[in-house]
Amino acid sequence: MKHLRVDMVLGPPCPQAARMMAHLSTIYSIPWIGWGFVTSADFALVAKYPYATTIIAPSRTFV
């Protein structure tokens, strides 16, 4: 991430990989946007994950 001059990271949509990405975004100070089934309340902890943001589609799209 550091050598490729990454501006931001989108995904991954699975919770286990998302947690790793949230940690890496904090280490490298790069914004990370989680989507899909990334619904853990931990990602809302700004002190722990200051560069993490999660989005979720409206429930109608999962039908």
PDB file of N, CA and C in Angstrom:
ATOM      1  N   MET A   1       0.831  -1.195   0.000  1.00  0.00           N
ATOM      2  CA  MET A   1       0.000   0.000   0.000  1.00  0.00           C
ATOM      3  C   MET A   1       0.871   1.251   0.000  1.00  0.00           C
ATOM      4  N   LYS A   2       1.925   1.208   0.747  1.00  0.00           N
ATOM      5  CA  LYS A   2       2.782   2.383   0.876  1.00  0.00           C
ATOM      6  C   LYS A   2       3.519   2.682  -0.429  1.00  0.00           C
ATOM      7  N   HIS A   3       4.051   1.663  -1.070  1.00  0.00           N
ATOM      8  CA  HIS A   3       4.856   1.876  -2.272  1.00  0.00           C
ATOM      9  C   HIS A   3       4.018   2.104  -3.527  1.00  0.00           C
ATOM     10  N   LEU A   4       2.762   1.712  -3.500  1.00  0.00           N
ATOM     11  CA  LEU A   4       1.890   1.893  -4.659  1.00  0.00           C
ATOM     12  C   LEU A   4       1.142   3.221  -4.642  1.00  0.00           C
ATOM     13  N   ARG A   5       1.349   4.027  -3.613  1.00  0.00           N
ATOM     14  CA  ARG A   5       0.700   5.333  -3.471  1.00  0.00           C
ATOM     15  C   ARG A   5      -0.824   5.205  -3.555  1.00  0.00           C
ATOM     16  N   VAL A   6      -1.373   4.365  -2.743  1.00  0.00           N
ATOM     17  CA  VAL A   6      -2.813   4.115  -2.699  1.00  0.00           C
ATOM     18  C   VAL A   6      -3.524   5.306  -2.068  1.00  0.00           C
ATOM     19  N   ASP A   7      -4.607   5.777  -2.691  1.00  0.00           N
ATOM     20  CA  ASP A   7      -5.386   6.897  -2.155  1.00  0.00           C
ATOM     21  C   ASP A   7      -6.469   6.432  -1.189  1.00  0.00           C
ATOM     22  N   MET A   8      -7.078   5.290  -1.476  1.00  0.00           N
ATOM     23  CA  MET A   8      -8.106   4.703  -0.614  1.00  0.00           C
ATOM     24  C   MET A   8      -8.311   3.259  -1.023  1.00  0.00           C
ATOM     25  N   VAL A   9      -8.946   2.506  -0.126  1.00  0.00           N
ATOM     26  CA  VAL A   9      -9.206   1.089  -0.389  1.00  0.00           C
ATOM     27  C   VAL A   9     -10.706   0.852  -0.281  1.00  0.00           C
ATOM     28  N   LEU A  10     -11.271   0.153  -1.252  1.00  0.00           N
ATOM     29  CA  LEU A  10     -12.682  -0.202  -1.251  1.00  0.00           C
ATOM     30  C   LEU A  10     -12.799  -1.711  -1.069  1.00  0.00           C
ATOM     31  N   GLY A  11     -13.512  -2.118  -0.021  1.00  0.00           N
ATOM     32  CA  GLY A  11     -13.703  -3.545   0.237  1.00  0.00           C
ATOM     33  C   GLY A  11     -12.621  -4.070   1.164  1.00  0.00           C
ATOM     34  N   PRO A  12     -12.619  -5.300   1.413  1.00  0.00           N
ATOM     35  CA  PRO A  12     -13.398  -6.419   0.922  1.00  0.00           C
ATOM     36  C   PRO A  12     -14.744  -6.543   1.634  1.00  0.00           C
ATOM     37  N   PRO A  13     -15.673  -7.313   1.069  1.00  0.00           N
ATOM     38  CA  PRO A  13     -17.008  -7.404   1.647  1.00  0.00           C
ATOM     39  C   PRO A  13     -17.183  -8.434   2.761  1.00  0.00           C
ATOM     40  N   CYS A  14     -16.153  -9.206   3.067  1.00  0.00           N
ATOM     41  CA  CYS A  14     -16.305 -10.222   4.123  1.00  0.00           C
ATOM     42  C   CYS A  14     -15.698  -9.721   5.435  1.00  0.00           C
ATOM     43  N   PRO A  15     -16.300 -10.052   6.563  1.00  0.00           N
ATOM     44  CA  PRO A  15     -15.902  -9.497   7.863  1.00  0.00           C
ATOM     45  C   PRO A  15     -14.459  -9.783   8.284  1.00  0.00           C
ATOM     46  N   GLN A  16     -13.956 -10.983   8.042  1.00  0.00           N
ATOM     47  CA  GLN A  16     -12.607 -11.324   8.494  1.00  0.00           C
ATOM     48  C   GLN A  16     -11.546 -10.499   7.763  1.00  0.00           C
ATOM     49  N   ALA A  17     -11.651 -10.424   6.459  1.00  0.00           N
ATOM     50  CA  ALA A  17     -10.699  -9.638   5.682  1.00  0.00           C
ATOM     51  C   ALA A  17     -10.887  -8.143   5.927  1.00  0.00           C
ATOM     52  N   ALA A  18     -12.104  -7.728   6.194  1.00  0.00           N
ATOM     53  CA  ALA A  18     -12.374  -6.315   6.465  1.00  0.00           C
ATOM     54  C   ALA A  18     -11.678  -5.854   7.740  1.00  0.00           C
ATOM     55  N   ARG A  19     -11.661  -6.700   8.749  1.00  0.00           N
ATOM     56  CA  ARG A  19     -10.979  -6.338   9.997  1.00  0.00           C
ATOM     57  C   ARG A  19      -9.479  -6.115   9.744  1.00  0.00           C
ATOM     58  N   MET A  20      -8.863  -6.972   8.941  1.00  0.00           N
ATOM     59  CA  MET A  20      -7.449  -6.806   8.600  1.00  0.00           C
ATOM     60  C   MET A  20      -7.237  -5.513   7.824  1.00  0.00           C
ATOM     61  N   MET A  21      -8.139  -5.220   6.879  1.00  0.00           N
ATOM     62  CA  MET A  21      -8.019  -3.994   6.098  1.00  0.00           C
ATOM     63  C   MET A  21      -8.183  -2.760   6.968  1.00  0.00           C
ATOM     64  N   ALA A  22      -9.063  -2.816   7.954  1.00  0.00           N
ATOM     65  CA  ALA A  22      -9.250  -1.690   8.868  1.00  0.00           C
ATOM     66  C   ALA A  22      -7.972  -1.430   9.661  1.00  0.00           C
ATOM     67  N   HIS A  23      -7.307  -2.492  10.085  1.00  0.00           N
ATOM     68  CA  HIS A  23      -6.028  -2.329  10.798  1.00  0.00           C
ATOM     69  C   HIS A  23      -4.964  -1.734   9.873  1.00  0.00           C
ATOM     70  N   LEU A  24      -4.867  -2.246   8.655  1.00  0.00           N
ATOM     71  CA  LEU A  24      -3.870  -1.736   7.716  1.00  0.00           C
ATOM     72  C   LEU A  24      -4.134  -0.280   7.348  1.00  0.00           C
ATOM     73  N   SER A  25      -5.396   0.092   7.208  1.00  0.00           N
ATOM     74  CA  SER A  25      -5.696   1.487   6.876  1.00  0.00           C
ATOM     75  C   SER A  25      -5.266   2.423   7.997  1.00  0.00           C
ATOM     76  N   THR A  26      -5.348   1.954   9.230  1.00  0.00           N
ATOM     77  CA  THR A  26      -4.891   2.759  10.364  1.00  0.00           C
ATOM     78  C   THR A  26      -3.373   2.871  10.362  1.00  0.00           C
ATOM     79  N   ILE A  27      -2.690   1.778  10.104  1.00  0.00           N
ATOM     80  CA  ILE A  27      -1.221   1.782  10.081  1.00  0.00           C
ATOM     81  C   ILE A  27      -0.691   2.714   9.001  1.00  0.00           C
ATOM     82  N   TYR A  28      -1.285   2.655   7.796  1.00  0.00           N
ATOM     83  CA  TYR A  28      -0.795   3.444   6.669  1.00  0.00           C
ATOM     84  C   TYR A  28      -1.531   4.770   6.477  1.00  0.00           C
ATOM     85  N   SER A  29      -2.477   5.091   7.340  1.00  0.00           N
ATOM     86  CA  SER A  29      -3.251   6.346   7.260  1.00  0.00           C
ATOM     87  C   SER A  29      -3.929   6.512   5.903  1.00  0.00           C
ATOM     88  N   ILE A  30      -4.592   5.458   5.467  1.00  0.00           N
ATOM     89  CA  ILE A  30      -5.288   5.458   4.183  1.00  0.00           C
ATOM     90  C   ILE A  30      -6.764   5.143   4.431  1.00  0.00           C
ATOM     91  N   PRO A  31      -7.679   5.941   3.896  1.00  0.00           N
ATOM     92  CA  PRO A  31      -9.100   5.664   4.094  1.00  0.00           C
ATOM     93  C   PRO A  31      -9.506   4.304   3.529  1.00  0.00           C
ATOM     94  N   TRP A  32     -10.370   3.635   4.258  1.00  0.00           N
ATOM     95  CA  TRP A  32     -10.898   2.330   3.853  1.00  0.00           C
ATOM     96  C   TRP A  32     -12.414   2.384   3.916  1.00  0.00           C
ATOM     97  N   ILE A  33     -13.071   1.909   2.854  1.00  0.00           N
ATOM     98  CA  ILE A  33     -14.525   1.840   2.815  1.00  0.00           C
ATOM     99  C   ILE A  33     -14.921   0.372   2.740  1.00  0.00           C
ATOM    100  N   GLY A  34     -15.594  -0.087   3.773  1.00  0.00           N
ATOM    101  CA  GLY A  34     -16.078  -1.463   3.807  1.00  0.00           C
ATOM    102  C   GLY A  34     -17.508  -1.522   3.322  1.00  0.00           C
ATOM    103  N   TRP A  35     -17.845  -2.554   2.588  1.00  0.00           N
ATOM    104  CA  TRP A  35     -19.199  -2.701   2.060  1.00  0.00           C
ATOM    105  C   TRP A  35     -19.618  -4.163   2.177  1.00  0.00           C
ATOM    106  N   GLY A  36     -20.858  -4.421   1.904  1.00  0.00           N
ATOM    107  CA  GLY A  36     -21.364  -5.788   1.964  1.00  0.00           C
ATOM    108  C   GLY A  36     -21.771  -6.155   3.381  1.00  0.00           C
ATOM    109  N   PHE A  37     -21.322  -7.313   3.845  1.00  0.00           N
ATOM    110  CA  PHE A  37     -21.706  -7.813   5.163  1.00  0.00           C
ATOM    111  C   PHE A  37     -20.689  -7.426   6.234  1.00  0.00           C
ATOM    112  N   VAL A  38     -20.187  -6.214   6.151  1.00  0.00           N
ATOM    113  CA  VAL A  38     -19.246  -5.678   7.133  1.00  0.00           C
ATOM    114  C   VAL A  38     -20.062  -4.837   8.107  1.00  0.00           C
ATOM    115  N   THR A  39     -20.685  -5.491   9.070  1.00  0.00           N
ATOM    116  CA  THR A  39     -21.629  -4.805   9.951  1.00  0.00           C
ATOM    117  C   THR A  39     -21.184  -4.752  11.407  1.00  0.00           C
ATOM    118  N   SER A  40     -19.950  -5.113  11.700  1.00  0.00           N
ATOM    119  CA  SER A  40     -19.477  -5.107  13.085  1.00  0.00           C
ATOM    120  C   SER A  40     -19.471  -3.689  13.649  1.00  0.00           C
ATOM    121  N   ALA A  41     -19.931  -3.543  14.861  1.00  0.00           N
ATOM    122  CA  ALA A  41     -19.928  -2.234  15.522  1.00  0.00           C
ATOM    123  C   ALA A  41     -18.514  -1.759  15.819  1.00  0.00           C
ATOM    124  N   ASP A  42     -17.541  -2.650  15.808  1.00  0.00           N
ATOM    125  CA  ASP A  42     -16.146  -2.262  16.049  1.00  0.00           C
ATOM    126  C   ASP A  42     -15.663  -1.222  15.048  1.00  0.00           C
ATOM    127  N   PHE A  43     -16.154  -1.289  13.814  1.00  0.00           N
ATOM    128  CA  PHE A  43     -15.700  -0.350  12.791  1.00  0.00           C
ATOM    129  C   PHE A  43     -16.156   1.079  13.070  1.00  0.00           C
ATOM    130  N   ALA A  44     -17.079   1.267  13.983  1.00  0.00           N
ATOM    131  CA  ALA A  44     -17.542   2.604  14.364  1.00  0.00           C
ATOM    132  C   ALA A  44     -16.664   3.224  15.445  1.00  0.00           C
ATOM    133  N   LEU A  45     -15.721   2.473  15.980  1.00  0.00           N
ATOM    134  CA  LEU A  45     -14.826   2.989  17.022  1.00  0.00           C
ATOM    135  C   LEU A  45     -13.750   3.861  16.379  1.00  0.00           C
ATOM    136  N   VAL A  46     -13.970   5.160  16.403  1.00  0.00           N
ATOM    137  CA  VAL A  46     -13.081   6.097  15.726  1.00  0.00           C
ATOM    138  C   VAL A  46     -11.673   6.072  16.312  1.00  0.00           C
ATOM    139  N   ALA A  47     -11.551   5.876  17.606  1.00  0.00           N
ATOM    140  CA  ALA A  47     -10.221   5.834  18.218  1.00  0.00           C
ATOM    141  C   ALA A  47      -9.430   4.616  17.740  1.00  0.00           C
ATOM    142  N   LYS A  48     -10.124   3.516  17.455  1.00  0.00           N
ATOM    143  CA  LYS A  48      -9.454   2.285  17.020  1.00  0.00           C
ATOM    144  C   LYS A  48      -9.244   2.255  15.505  1.00  0.00           C
ATOM    145  N   TYR A  49     -10.242   2.693  14.751  1.00  0.00           N
ATOM    146  CA  TYR A  49     -10.192   2.675  13.285  1.00  0.00           C
ATOM    147  C   TYR A  49     -10.530   4.063  12.734  1.00  0.00           C
ATOM    148  N   PRO A  50      -9.624   5.024  12.822  1.00  0.00           N
ATOM    149  CA  PRO A  50      -9.945   6.391  12.393  1.00  0.00           C
ATOM    150  C   PRO A  50     -10.130   6.556  10.886  1.00  0.00           C
ATOM    151  N   TYR A  51      -9.655   5.609  10.094  1.00  0.00           N
ATOM    152  CA  TYR A  51      -9.756   5.726   8.637  1.00  0.00           C
ATOM    153  C   TYR A  51     -10.809   4.798   8.040  1.00  0.00           C
ATOM    154  N   ALA A  52     -11.584   4.135   8.876  1.00  0.00           N
ATOM    155  CA  ALA A  52     -12.575   3.167   8.404  1.00  0.00           C
ATOM    156  C   ALA A  52     -13.960   3.784   8.275  1.00  0.00           C
ATOM    157  N   THR A  53     -14.629   3.435   7.187  1.00  0.00           N
ATOM    158  CA  THR A  53     -16.015   3.814   6.952  1.00  0.00           C
ATOM    159  C   THR A  53     -16.724   2.595   6.383  1.00  0.00           C
ATOM    160  N   THR A  54     -17.925   2.337   6.836  1.00  0.00           N
ATOM    161  CA  THR A  54     -18.675   1.219   6.271  1.00  0.00           C
ATOM    162  C   THR A  54     -19.969   1.723   5.653  1.00  0.00           C
ATOM    163  N   ILE A  55     -20.366   1.063   4.599  1.00  0.00           N
ATOM    164  CA  ILE A  55     -21.632   1.378   3.939  1.00  0.00           C
ATOM    165  C   ILE A  55     -22.400   0.072   3.778  1.00  0.00           C
ATOM    166  N   ILE A  56     -23.695   0.165   3.769  1.00  0.00           N
ATOM    167  CA  ILE A  56     -24.536  -1.017   3.581  1.00  0.00           C
ATOM    168  C   ILE A  56     -25.718  -0.619   2.708  1.00  0.00           C
ATOM    169  N   ALA A  57     -26.075  -1.515   1.821  1.00  0.00           N
ATOM    170  CA  ALA A  57     -27.194  -1.252   0.917  1.00  0.00           C
ATOM    171  C   ALA A  57     -28.515  -1.360   1.666  1.00  0.00           C
ATOM    172  N   PRO A  58     -29.565  -0.704   1.169  1.00  0.00           N
ATOM    173  CA  PRO A  58     -30.885  -0.848   1.781  1.00  0.00           C
ATOM    174  C   PRO A  58     -31.313  -2.315   1.793  1.00  0.00           C
ATOM    175  N   SER A  59     -32.131  -2.687   2.742  1.00  0.00           N
ATOM    176  CA  SER A  59     -32.518  -4.090   2.900  1.00  0.00           C
ATOM    177  C   SER A  59     -33.261  -4.651   1.688  1.00  0.00           C
ATOM    178  N   ARG A  60     -33.889  -3.823   0.913  1.00  0.00           N
ATOM    179  CA  ARG A  60     -34.615  -4.308  -0.265  1.00  0.00           C
ATOM    180  C   ARG A  60     -33.681  -4.938  -1.297  1.00  0.00           C
ATOM    181  N   THR A  61     -32.428  -4.532  -1.328  1.00  0.00           N
ATOM    182  CA  THR A  61     -31.508  -5.075  -2.325  1.00  0.00           C
ATOM    183  C   THR A  61     -31.074  -6.493  -1.995  1.00  0.00           C
ATOM    184  N   PHE A  62     -31.289  -6.950  -0.765  1.00  0.00           N
ATOM    185  CA  PHE A  62     -30.903  -8.300  -0.379  1.00  0.00           C
ATOM    186  C   PHE A  62     -32.012  -9.320  -0.621  1.00  0.00           C
ATOM    187  N   VAL A  63     -33.159  -8.875  -1.087  1.00  0.00           N
ATOM    188  CA  VAL A  63     -34.303  -9.773  -1.290  1.00  0.00           C
ATOM    189  C   VAL A  63     -34.152 -10.511  -2.596  1.00  0.00           C
TER     190      VAL A  63
END
